[in-house]
PDB file of N, CA and C in Angstrom:
ATOM      1  N   MET A   1      72.029 153.579  31.056  1.00  0.00           N
ATOM      2  CA  MET A   1      72.707 152.526  30.283  1.00  0.00           C
ATOM      3  C   MET A   1      74.152 152.871  30.162  1.00  0.00           C
ATOM      4  N   GLU A   2      74.959 151.821  30.377  1.00  0.00           N
ATOM      5  CA  GLU A   2      76.436 152.034  30.312  1.00  0.00           C
ATOM      6  C   GLU A   2      76.918 152.107  28.852  1.00  0.00           C
ATOM      7  N   GLN A   3      77.811 153.010  28.546  1.00  0.00           N
ATOM      8  CA  GLN A   3      78.265 153.053  27.195  1.00  0.00           C
ATOM      9  C   GLN A   3      79.381 151.986  26.950  1.00  0.00           C
ATOM     10  N   GLN A   4      79.354 151.536  25.742  1.00  0.00           N
ATOM     11  CA  GLN A   4      80.350 150.508  25.312  1.00  0.00           C
ATOM     12  C   GLN A   4      81.370 151.137  24.368  1.00  0.00           C
ATOM     13  N   LYS A   5      82.446 150.403  24.099  1.00  0.00           N
ATOM     14  CA  LYS A   5      83.402 150.875  23.102  1.00  0.00           C
ATOM     15  C   LYS A   5      83.009 150.224  21.752  1.00  0.00           C
ATOM     16  N   LEU A   6      83.239 151.037  20.757  1.00  0.00           N
ATOM     17  CA  LEU A   6      83.016 150.503  19.395  1.00  0.00           C
ATOM     18  C   LEU A   6      84.126 149.467  19.109  1.00  0.00           C
ATOM     19  N   PRO A   7      83.807 148.384  18.413  1.00  0.00           N
ATOM     20  CA  PRO A   7      84.669 147.365  18.150  1.00  0.00           C
ATOM     21  C   PRO A   7      85.690 147.714  17.080  1.00  0.00           C
ATOM     22  N   ASN A   8      86.879 147.092  17.135  1.00  0.00           N
ATOM     23  CA  ASN A   8      87.942 147.209  16.069  1.00  0.00           C
ATOM     24  C   ASN A   8      88.619 148.523  16.051  1.00  0.00           C
ATOM     25  N   GLY A   9      88.517 149.371  17.047  1.00  0.00           N
ATOM     26  CA  GLY A   9      89.206 150.645  17.046  1.00  0.00           C
ATOM     27  C   GLY A   9      90.723 150.482  17.190  1.00  0.00           C
ATOM     28  N   VAL A  10      91.149 149.737  18.132  1.00  0.00           N
ATOM     29  CA  VAL A  10      92.580 149.478  18.371  1.00  0.00           C
ATOM     30  C   VAL A  10      93.148 148.692  17.225  1.00  0.00           C
ATOM     31  N   LEU A  11      92.420 147.684  16.784  1.00  0.00           N
ATOM     32  CA  LEU A  11      92.910 146.882  15.641  1.00  0.00           C
ATOM     33  C   LEU A  11      93.149 147.699  14.390  1.00  0.00           C
ATOM     34  N   ALA A  12      92.166 148.643  14.132  1.00  0.00           N
ATOM     35  CA  ALA A  12      92.287 149.414  12.944  1.00  0.00           C
ATOM     36  C   ALA A  12      93.578 150.373  13.075  1.00  0.00           C
ATOM     37  N   ILE A  13      93.781 150.914  14.167  1.00  0.00           N
ATOM     38  CA  ILE A  13      94.926 151.812  14.426  1.00  0.00           C
ATOM     39  C   ILE A  13      96.235 150.923  14.217  1.00  0.00           C
ATOM     40  N   ILE A  14      96.310 149.777  14.813  1.00  0.00           N
ATOM     41  CA  ILE A  14      97.466 148.921  14.655  1.00  0.00           C
ATOM     42  C   ILE A  14      97.724 148.533  13.229  1.00  0.00           C
ATOM     43  N   LEU A  15      96.719 148.109  12.532  1.00  0.00           N
ATOM     44  CA  LEU A  15      96.831 147.843  11.067  1.00  0.00           C
ATOM     45  C   LEU A  15      97.284 149.021  10.250  1.00  0.00           C
ATOM     46  N   SER A  16      96.875 150.213  10.609  1.00  0.00           N
ATOM     47  CA  SER A  16      97.207 151.388   9.901  1.00  0.00           C
ATOM     48  C   SER A  16      98.714 151.733  10.145  1.00  0.00           C
ATOM     49  N   ILE A  17      99.170 151.539  11.317  1.00  0.00           N
ATOM     50  CA  ILE A  17     100.569 151.766  11.626  1.00  0.00           C
ATOM     51  C   ILE A  17     101.442 150.772  10.895  1.00  0.00           C
ATOM     52  N   VAL A  18     101.089 149.491  11.006  1.00  0.00           N
ATOM     53  CA  VAL A  18     101.759 148.414  10.223  1.00  0.00           C
ATOM     54  C   VAL A  18     101.773 148.749   8.707  1.00  0.00           C
ATOM     55  N   SER A  19     100.784 149.233   8.195  1.00  0.00           N
ATOM     56  CA  SER A  19     100.772 149.530   6.808  1.00  0.00           C
ATOM     57  C   SER A  19     101.644 150.690   6.421  1.00  0.00           C
ATOM     58  N   LEU A  20     101.773 151.677   7.318  1.00  0.00           N
ATOM     59  CA  LEU A  20     102.751 152.736   7.134  1.00  0.00           C
ATOM     60  C   LEU A  20     104.180 152.149   7.191  1.00  0.00           C
ATOM     61  N   LEU A  21     104.477 151.322   8.081  1.00  0.00           N
ATOM     62  CA  LEU A  21     105.765 150.701   8.167  1.00  0.00           C
ATOM     63  C   LEU A  21     106.076 149.824   6.850  1.00  0.00           C
ATOM     64  N   CYS A  22     105.142 149.256   6.287  1.00  0.00           N
ATOM     65  CA  CYS A  22     105.232 148.396   5.099  1.00  0.00           C
ATOM     66  C   CYS A  22     105.236 149.098   3.769  1.00  0.00           C
ATOM     67  N   CYS A  23     105.101 150.449   3.796  1.00  0.00           N
ATOM     68  CA  CYS A  23     104.955 151.209   2.603  1.00  0.00           C
ATOM     69  C   CYS A  23     106.190 151.140   1.753  1.00  0.00           C
ATOM     70  N   CYS A  24     107.317 150.989   2.301  1.00  0.00           N
ATOM     71  CA  CYS A  24     108.558 150.987   1.550  1.00  0.00           C
ATOM     72  C   CYS A  24     108.898 149.694   0.992  1.00  0.00           C
ATOM     73  N   ILE A  25     108.050 148.637   1.198  1.00  0.00           N
ATOM     74  CA  ILE A  25     108.237 147.351   0.615  1.00  0.00           C
ATOM     75  C   ILE A  25     107.436 147.195  -0.630  1.00  0.00           C
ATOM     76  N   GLY A  26     107.598 148.049  -1.559  1.00  0.00           N
ATOM     77  CA  GLY A  26     106.919 147.999  -2.822  1.00  0.00           C
ATOM     78  C   GLY A  26     105.534 148.419  -2.729  1.00  0.00           C
ATOM     79  N   GLY A  27     105.019 149.054  -1.618  1.00  0.00           N
ATOM     80  CA  GLY A  27     103.729 149.489  -1.523  1.00  0.00           C
ATOM     81  C   GLY A  27     102.676 148.352  -1.053  1.00  0.00           C
ATOM     82  N   ILE A  28     103.306 147.329  -0.559  1.00  0.00           N
ATOM     83  CA  ILE A  28     102.444 146.183  -0.161  1.00  0.00           C
ATOM     84  C   ILE A  28     101.610 146.494   1.033  1.00  0.00           C
ATOM     85  N   GLY A  29     101.879 147.600   1.773  1.00  0.00           N
ATOM     86  CA  GLY A  29     101.067 147.936   2.910  1.00  0.00           C
ATOM     87  C   GLY A  29      99.617 148.386   2.550  1.00  0.00           C
ATOM     88  N   PHE A  30      99.255 148.438   1.274  1.00  0.00           N
ATOM     89  CA  PHE A  30      97.864 148.726   1.064  1.00  0.00           C
ATOM     90  C   PHE A  30      96.946 147.669   1.535  1.00  0.00           C
ATOM     91  N   ILE A  31      97.396 146.483   1.714  1.00  0.00           N
ATOM     92  CA  ILE A  31      96.532 145.418   2.194  1.00  0.00           C
ATOM     93  C   ILE A  31      96.080 145.643   3.600  1.00  0.00           C
ATOM     94  N   PRO A  32      97.002 145.889   4.555  1.00  0.00           N
ATOM     95  CA  PRO A  32      96.522 146.109   5.928  1.00  0.00           C
ATOM     96  C   PRO A  32      95.876 147.495   6.044  1.00  0.00           C
ATOM     97  N   ALA A  33      96.233 148.490   5.234  1.00  0.00           N
ATOM     98  CA  ALA A  33      95.582 149.702   5.250  1.00  0.00           C
ATOM     99  C   ALA A  33      94.112 149.667   4.821  1.00  0.00           C
ATOM    100  N   GLY A  34      93.896 148.799   3.732  1.00  0.00           N
ATOM    101  CA  GLY A  34      92.504 148.558   3.294  1.00  0.00           C
ATOM    102  C   GLY A  34      91.706 147.867   4.237  1.00  0.00           C
ATOM    103  N   ILE A  35      92.220 146.863   4.973  1.00  0.00           N
ATOM    104  CA  ILE A  35      91.489 146.260   6.024  1.00  0.00           C
ATOM    105  C   ILE A  35      91.221 147.132   7.134  1.00  0.00           C
ATOM    106  N   ALA A  36      92.188 148.047   7.573  1.00  0.00           N
ATOM    107  CA  ALA A  36      91.977 148.964   8.611  1.00  0.00           C
ATOM    108  C   ALA A  36      90.890 149.952   8.305  1.00  0.00           C
ATOM    109  N   TYR A  37      90.893 150.401   7.149  1.00  0.00           N
ATOM    110  CA  TYR A  37      89.846 151.407   6.668  1.00  0.00           C
ATOM    111  C   TYR A  37      88.469 150.667   6.657  1.00  0.00           C
ATOM    112  N   PHE A  38      88.363 149.464   6.171  1.00  0.00           N
ATOM    113  CA  PHE A  38      87.089 148.761   6.187  1.00  0.00           C
ATOM    114  C   PHE A  38      86.616 148.590   7.640  1.00  0.00           C
ATOM    115  N   LEU A  39      87.514 148.174   8.537  1.00  0.00           N
ATOM    116  CA  LEU A  39      87.085 147.984   9.921  1.00  0.00           C
ATOM    117  C   LEU A  39      86.684 149.314  10.594  1.00  0.00           C
ATOM    118  N   ALA A  40      87.358 150.390  10.272  1.00  0.00           N
ATOM    119  CA  ALA A  40      87.005 151.703  10.898  1.00  0.00           C
ATOM    120  C   ALA A  40      85.718 152.171  10.347  1.00  0.00           C
ATOM    121  N   ASN A  41      85.509 151.917   8.994  1.00  0.00           N
ATOM    122  CA  ASN A  41      84.302 152.429   8.389  1.00  0.00           C
ATOM    123  C   ASN A  41      83.083 151.655   9.025  1.00  0.00           C
ATOM    124  N   LYS A  42      83.244 150.286   9.132  1.00  0.00           N
ATOM    125  CA  LYS A  42      82.133 149.516   9.627  1.00  0.00           C
ATOM    126  C   LYS A  42      81.842 149.948  11.074  1.00  0.00           C
ATOM    127  N   SER A  43      82.887 150.180  11.904  1.00  0.00           N
ATOM    128  CA  SER A  43      82.677 150.623  13.310  1.00  0.00           C
ATOM    129  C   SER A  43      82.006 151.997  13.346  1.00  0.00           C
ATOM    130  N   GLU A  44      82.392 152.850  12.426  1.00  0.00           N
ATOM    131  CA  GLU A  44      81.830 154.166  12.348  1.00  0.00           C
ATOM    132  C   GLU A  44      80.308 154.203  12.104  1.00  0.00           C
ATOM    133  N   LYS A  45      79.955 153.296  11.198  1.00  0.00           N
ATOM    134  CA  LYS A  45      78.453 153.085  10.804  1.00  0.00           C
ATOM    135  C   LYS A  45      77.746 152.591  12.015  1.00  0.00           C
ATOM    136  N   MET A  46      78.310 151.692  12.728  1.00  0.00           N
ATOM    137  CA  MET A  46      77.694 151.156  13.956  1.00  0.00           C
ATOM    138  C   MET A  46      77.452 152.288  14.986  1.00  0.00           C
ATOM    139  N   GLY A  47      78.509 153.169  15.135  1.00  0.00           N
ATOM    140  CA  GLY A  47      78.454 154.238  16.029  1.00  0.00           C
ATOM    141  C   GLY A  47      77.424 155.318  15.620  1.00  0.00           C
ATOM    142  N   LEU A  48      77.195 155.492  14.367  1.00  0.00           N
ATOM    143  CA  LEU A  48      76.205 156.440  13.920  1.00  0.00           C
ATOM    144  C   LEU A  48      74.769 155.996  14.031  1.00  0.00           C
ATOM    145  N   GLU A  49      74.645 154.640  14.063  1.00  0.00           N
ATOM    146  CA  GLU A  49      73.265 154.072  14.256  1.00  0.00           C
ATOM    147  C   GLU A  49      72.819 154.275  15.628  1.00  0.00           C
ATOM    148  N   ASN A  50      73.743 154.112  16.668  1.00  0.00           N
ATOM    149  CA  ASN A  50      73.385 154.192  18.082  1.00  0.00           C
ATOM    150  C   ASN A  50      74.487 155.140  18.704  1.00  0.00           C
ATOM    151  N   PRO A  51      74.490 156.420  18.491  1.00  0.00           N
ATOM    152  CA  PRO A  51      75.445 157.352  18.978  1.00  0.00           C
ATOM    153  C   PRO A  51      75.619 157.323  20.569  1.00  0.00           C
ATOM    154  N   ASP A  52      74.472 157.108  21.210  1.00  0.00           N
ATOM    155  CA  ASP A  52      74.474 157.256  22.718  1.00  0.00           C
ATOM    156  C   ASP A  52      75.024 155.864  23.348  1.00  0.00           C
ATOM    157  N   GLN A  53      75.128 154.809  22.578  1.00  0.00           N
ATOM    158  CA  GLN A  53      75.449 153.574  23.125  1.00  0.00           C
ATOM    159  C   GLN A  53      76.979 153.475  23.197  1.00  0.00           C
ATOM    160  N   TYR A  54      77.725 154.187  22.386  1.00  0.00           N
ATOM    161  CA  TYR A  54      79.205 153.966  22.285  1.00  0.00           C
ATOM    162  C   TYR A  54      79.932 155.295  22.598  1.00  0.00           C
ATOM    163  N   ASP A  55      81.155 155.201  23.172  1.00  0.00           N
ATOM    164  CA  ASP A  55      81.817 156.352  23.669  1.00  0.00           C
ATOM    165  C   ASP A  55      83.202 156.660  22.961  1.00  0.00           C
ATOM    166  N   ASN A  56      83.657 155.808  22.092  1.00  0.00           N
ATOM    167  CA  ASN A  56      84.950 156.010  21.495  1.00  0.00           C
ATOM    168  C   ASN A  56      84.873 156.415  20.060  1.00  0.00           C
ATOM    169  N   HIS A  57      84.025 157.354  19.726  1.00  0.00           N
ATOM    170  CA  HIS A  57      83.929 157.861  18.309  1.00  0.00           C
ATOM    171  C   HIS A  57      85.260 158.443  17.787  1.00  0.00           C
ATOM    172  N   SER A  58      85.889 159.168  18.712  1.00  0.00           N
ATOM    173  CA  SER A  58      87.188 159.874  18.290  1.00  0.00           C
ATOM    174  C   SER A  58      88.246 158.905  17.949  1.00  0.00           C
ATOM    175  N   GLN A  59      88.273 157.731  18.613  1.00  0.00           N
ATOM    176  CA  GLN A  59      89.233 156.739  18.338  1.00  0.00           C
ATOM    177  C   GLN A  59      88.998 156.077  16.876  1.00  0.00           C
ATOM    178  N   ILE A  60      87.761 155.852  16.561  1.00  0.00           N
ATOM    179  CA  ILE A  60      87.403 155.319  15.262  1.00  0.00           C
ATOM    180  C   ILE A  60      87.670 156.340  14.213  1.00  0.00           C
ATOM    181  N   LYS A  61      87.416 157.602  14.396  1.00  0.00           N
ATOM    182  CA  LYS A  61      87.623 158.673  13.485  1.00  0.00           C
ATOM    183  C   LYS A  61      89.187 158.772  13.191  1.00  0.00           C
ATOM    184  N   THR A  62      90.012 158.736  14.211  1.00  0.00           N
ATOM    185  CA  THR A  62      91.404 158.763  14.079  1.00  0.00           C
ATOM    186  C   THR A  62      91.952 157.518  13.339  1.00  0.00           C
ATOM    187  N   ALA A  63      91.355 156.339  13.633  1.00  0.00           N
ATOM    188  CA  ALA A  63      91.782 155.094  12.869  1.00  0.00           C
ATOM    189  C   ALA A  63      91.426 155.236  11.400  1.00  0.00           C
ATOM    190  N   LYS A  64      90.237 155.713  11.161  1.00  0.00           N
ATOM    191  CA  LYS A  64      89.837 155.869   9.716  1.00  0.00           C
ATOM    192  C   LYS A  64      90.732 156.859   8.963  1.00  0.00           C
ATOM    193  N   ILE A  65      91.077 158.000   9.565  1.00  0.00           N
ATOM    194  CA  ILE A  65      91.929 158.954   8.899  1.00  0.00           C
ATOM    195  C   ILE A  65      93.356 158.421   8.668  1.00  0.00           C
ATOM    196  N   LEU A  66      93.893 157.775   9.707  1.00  0.00           N
ATOM    197  CA  LEU A  66      95.119 157.088   9.648  1.00  0.00           C
ATOM    198  C   LEU A  66      95.217 156.036   8.542  1.00  0.00           C
ATOM    199  N   ALA A  67      94.146 155.223   8.501  1.00  0.00           N
ATOM    200  CA  ALA A  67      94.105 154.223   7.488  1.00  0.00           C
ATOM    201  C   ALA A  67      94.019 154.763   6.021  1.00  0.00           C
ATOM    202  N   LEU A  68      93.273 155.867   5.923  1.00  0.00           N
ATOM    203  CA  LEU A  68      93.138 156.470   4.609  1.00  0.00           C
ATOM    204  C   LEU A  68      94.474 157.112   4.176  1.00  0.00           C
ATOM    205  N   VAL A  69      95.121 157.736   5.028  1.00  0.00           N
ATOM    206  CA  VAL A  69      96.505 158.298   4.726  1.00  0.00           C
ATOM    207  C   VAL A  69      97.393 157.137   4.332  1.00  0.00           C
ATOM    208  N   ALA A  70      97.459 156.123   5.116  1.00  0.00           N
ATOM    209  CA  ALA A  70      98.338 154.968   4.843  1.00  0.00           C
ATOM    210  C   ALA A  70      97.922 154.334   3.487  1.00  0.00           C
ATOM    211  N   LEU A  71      96.704 154.242   3.228  1.00  0.00           N
ATOM    212  CA  LEU A  71      96.272 153.645   1.964  1.00  0.00           C
ATOM    213  C   LEU A  71      96.688 154.494   0.718  1.00  0.00           C
ATOM    214  N   ILE A  72      96.523 155.821   0.852  1.00  0.00           N
ATOM    215  CA  ILE A  72      96.975 156.744  -0.152  1.00  0.00           C
ATOM    216  C   ILE A  72      98.494 156.613  -0.405  1.00  0.00           C
ATOM    217  N   ILE A  73      99.249 156.689   0.624  1.00  0.00           N
ATOM    218  CA  ILE A  73     100.741 156.592   0.574  1.00  0.00           C
ATOM    219  C   ILE A  73     101.187 155.225  -0.101  1.00  0.00           C
ATOM    220  N   ASN A  74     100.524 154.206   0.361  1.00  0.00           N
ATOM    221  CA  ASN A  74     100.917 152.787  -0.201  1.00  0.00           C
ATOM    222  C   ASN A  74     100.482 152.697  -1.664  1.00  0.00           C
ATOM    223  N   ILE A  75      99.313 153.160  -1.949  1.00  0.00           N
ATOM    224  CA  ILE A  75      98.979 153.032  -3.477  1.00  0.00           C
ATOM    225  C   ILE A  75      99.879 153.925  -4.342  1.00  0.00           C
ATOM    226  N   LEU A  76     100.259 155.091  -3.895  1.00  0.00           N
ATOM    227  CA  LEU A  76     101.195 155.881  -4.629  1.00  0.00           C
ATOM    228  C   LEU A  76     102.533 155.244  -4.801  1.00  0.00           C
ATOM    229  N   TYR A  77     103.010 154.659  -3.674  1.00  0.00           N
ATOM    230  CA  TYR A  77     104.265 153.928  -3.752  1.00  0.00           C
ATOM    231  C   TYR A  77     104.253 152.694  -4.678  1.00  0.00           C
ATOM    232  N   LEU A  78     103.101 151.992  -4.671  1.00  0.00           N
ATOM    233  CA  LEU A  78     102.879 150.862  -5.475  1.00  0.00           C
ATOM    234  C   LEU A  78     102.901 151.220  -6.942  1.00  0.00           C
ATOM    235  N   ILE A  79     102.247 152.302  -7.278  1.00  0.00           N
ATOM    236  CA  ILE A  79     102.210 152.831  -8.646  1.00  0.00           C
ATOM    237  C   ILE A  79     103.586 153.224  -9.059  1.00  0.00           C
ATOM    238  N   TRP A  80     104.387 153.841  -8.160  1.00  0.00           N
ATOM    239  CA  TRP A  80     105.745 154.258  -8.509  1.00  0.00           C
ATOM    240  C   TRP A  80     106.609 153.079  -8.774  1.00  0.00           C
ATOM    241  N   THR A  81     106.483 151.997  -7.907  1.00  0.00           N
ATOM    242  CA  THR A  81     107.206 150.825  -8.044  1.00  0.00           C
ATOM    243  C   THR A  81     106.914 150.146  -9.365  1.00  0.00           C
ATOM    244  N   VAL A  82     105.692 149.964  -9.722  1.00  0.00           N
ATOM    245  CA  VAL A  82     105.339 149.400 -10.971  1.00  0.00           C
ATOM    246  C   VAL A  82     105.857 150.232 -12.198  1.00  0.00           C
ATOM    247  N   TYR A  83     105.820 151.498 -12.057  1.00  0.00           N
ATOM    248  CA  TYR A  83     106.325 152.392 -13.159  1.00  0.00           C
ATOM    249  C   TYR A  83     107.790 152.150 -13.226  1.00  0.00           C
ATOM    250  N   ARG A  84     108.492 152.133 -12.142  1.00  0.00           N
ATOM    251  CA  ARG A  84     109.918 152.017 -12.151  1.00  0.00           C
ATOM    252  C   ARG A  84     110.342 150.629 -12.787  1.00  0.00           C
ATOM    253  N   ILE A  85     109.644 149.556 -12.401  1.00  0.00           N
ATOM    254  CA  ILE A  85     109.968 148.239 -12.934  1.00  0.00           C
ATOM    255  C   ILE A  85     109.711 148.278 -14.420  1.00  0.00           C
ATOM    256  N   ALA A  86     108.582 148.952 -14.883  1.00  0.00           N
ATOM    257  CA  ALA A  86     108.263 148.944 -16.309  1.00  0.00           C
ATOM    258  C   ALA A  86     109.227 149.792 -17.119  1.00  0.00           C
ATOM    259  N   THR A  87     109.781 150.877 -16.540  1.00  0.00           N
ATOM    260  CA  THR A  87     110.690 151.690 -17.379  1.00  0.00           C
ATOM    261  C   THR A  87     112.169 151.278 -17.258  1.00  0.00           C
ATOM    262  N   VAL A  88     112.606 150.952 -16.035  1.00  0.00           N
ATOM    263  CA  VAL A  88     114.030 150.609 -15.863  1.00  0.00           C
ATOM    264  C   VAL A  88     114.243 149.139 -16.093  1.00  0.00           C
ATOM    265  N   GLY A  89     113.341 148.306 -15.592  1.00  0.00           N
ATOM    266  CA  GLY A  89     113.552 146.841 -15.784  1.00  0.00           C
ATOM    267  C   GLY A  89     113.946 146.180 -14.398  1.00  0.00           C
ATOM    268  N   TRP A  90     113.447 144.998 -14.197  1.00  0.00           N
ATOM    269  CA  TRP A  90     113.735 144.360 -12.839  1.00  0.00           C
ATOM    270  C   TRP A  90     115.228 144.019 -12.680  1.00  0.00           C
ATOM    271  N   ASP A  91     115.877 143.630 -13.705  1.00  0.00           N
ATOM    272  CA  ASP A  91     117.328 143.191 -13.591  1.00  0.00           C
ATOM    273  C   ASP A  91     118.189 144.456 -13.276  1.00  0.00           C
ATOM    274  N   GLU A  92     117.873 145.616 -13.803  1.00  0.00           N
ATOM    275  CA  GLU A  92     118.630 146.851 -13.406  1.00  0.00           C
ATOM    276  C   GLU A  92     118.336 147.303 -11.943  1.00  0.00           C
ATOM    277  N   ILE A  93     117.163 147.109 -11.474  1.00  0.00           N
ATOM    278  CA  ILE A  93     116.790 147.387 -10.147  1.00  0.00           C
ATOM    279  C   ILE A  93     117.508 146.431  -9.143  1.00  0.00           C
ATOM    280  N   MET A  94     117.577 145.179  -9.535  1.00  0.00           N
ATOM    281  CA  MET A  94     118.300 144.115  -8.705  1.00  0.00           C
ATOM    282  C   MET A  94     119.754 144.477  -8.664  1.00  0.00           C
ATOM    283  N   GLU A  95     120.348 144.946  -9.763  1.00  0.00           N
ATOM    284  CA  GLU A  95     121.745 145.211  -9.835  1.00  0.00           C
ATOM    285  C   GLU A  95     122.086 146.487  -8.935  1.00  0.00           C
ATOM    286  N   GLN A  96     121.188 147.449  -9.033  1.00  0.00           N
ATOM    287  CA  GLN A  96     121.421 148.625  -8.125  1.00  0.00           C
ATOM    288  C   GLN A  96     121.316 148.261  -6.723  1.00  0.00           C
ATOM    289  N   SER A  97     120.420 147.355  -6.331  1.00  0.00           N
ATOM    290  CA  SER A  97     120.301 146.900  -4.970  1.00  0.00           C
ATOM    291  C   SER A  97     121.517 146.137  -4.501  1.00  0.00           C
ATOM    292  N   ARG A  98     122.052 145.265  -5.392  1.00  0.00           N
ATOM    293  CA  ARG A  98     123.259 144.521  -5.052  1.00  0.00           C
ATOM    294  C   ARG A  98     124.428 145.457  -4.869  1.00  0.00           C
ATOM    295  N   GLN A  99     124.595 146.506  -5.693  1.00  0.00           N
ATOM    296  CA  GLN A  99     125.685 147.465  -5.557  1.00  0.00           C
ATOM    297  C   GLN A  99     125.587 148.310  -4.279  1.00  0.00           C
ATOM    298  N   MET A 100     124.284 148.596  -3.843  1.00  0.00           N
ATOM    299  CA  MET A 100     124.105 149.347  -2.604  1.00  0.00           C
ATOM    300  C   MET A 100     124.443 148.508  -1.406  1.00  0.00           C
ATOM    301  N   GLN A 101     124.132 147.153  -1.518  1.00  0.00           N
ATOM    302  CA  GLN A 101     124.423 146.274  -0.395  1.00  0.00           C
ATOM    303  C   GLN A 101     125.995 146.069  -0.252  1.00  0.00           C
ATOM    304  N   GLU A 102     126.712 146.118  -1.361  1.00  0.00           N
ATOM    305  CA  GLU A 102     128.134 145.951  -1.309  1.00  0.00           C
ATOM    306  C   GLU A 102     128.798 147.198  -0.728  1.00  0.00           C
ATOM    307  N   GLN A 103     128.252 148.377  -1.083  1.00  0.00           N
ATOM    308  CA  GLN A 103     128.753 149.628  -0.537  1.00  0.00           C
ATOM    309  C   GLN A 103     128.581 149.634   1.003  1.00  0.00           C
ATOM    310  N   LEU A 104     127.422 149.114   1.512  1.00  0.00           N
ATOM    311  CA  LEU A 104     127.136 149.126   2.935  1.00  0.00           C
ATOM    312  C   LEU A 104     127.799 147.984   3.625  1.00  0.00           C
ATOM    313  N   GLY A 105     128.426 147.128   2.964  1.00  0.00           N
ATOM    314  CA  GLY A 105     129.158 145.976   3.501  1.00  0.00           C
ATOM    315  C   GLY A 105     128.221 144.905   3.970  1.00  0.00           C
ATOM    316  N   MET A 106     127.179 144.695   3.265  1.00  0.00           N
ATOM    317  CA  MET A 106     126.215 143.622   3.660  1.00  0.00           C
ATOM    318  C   MET A 106     126.535 142.350   2.871  1.00  0.00           C
TER     319      MET A 106
END
């Protein structure tokens, strides 16, 4: 019997990378990271049910680890963002952002 590839391996890796790139936008990258982790976990379960039928177990494991790391980073950044808004205030953060843009000439 010919071995198949587990589904969603590449998609989970791409979503994990996108979530790492989105982590600096207030931690909003937890959404694609959560989806990537769910897809990788689902594919891993399929692979464990029929290990001889699939051949890309390492890709799924990599996607799952990458998604978990991205999820943790994004959740921590989201918590930090909420804390900063709660303590400093939204208006002060926007003023700091405006001043930084002026310094950079934007």
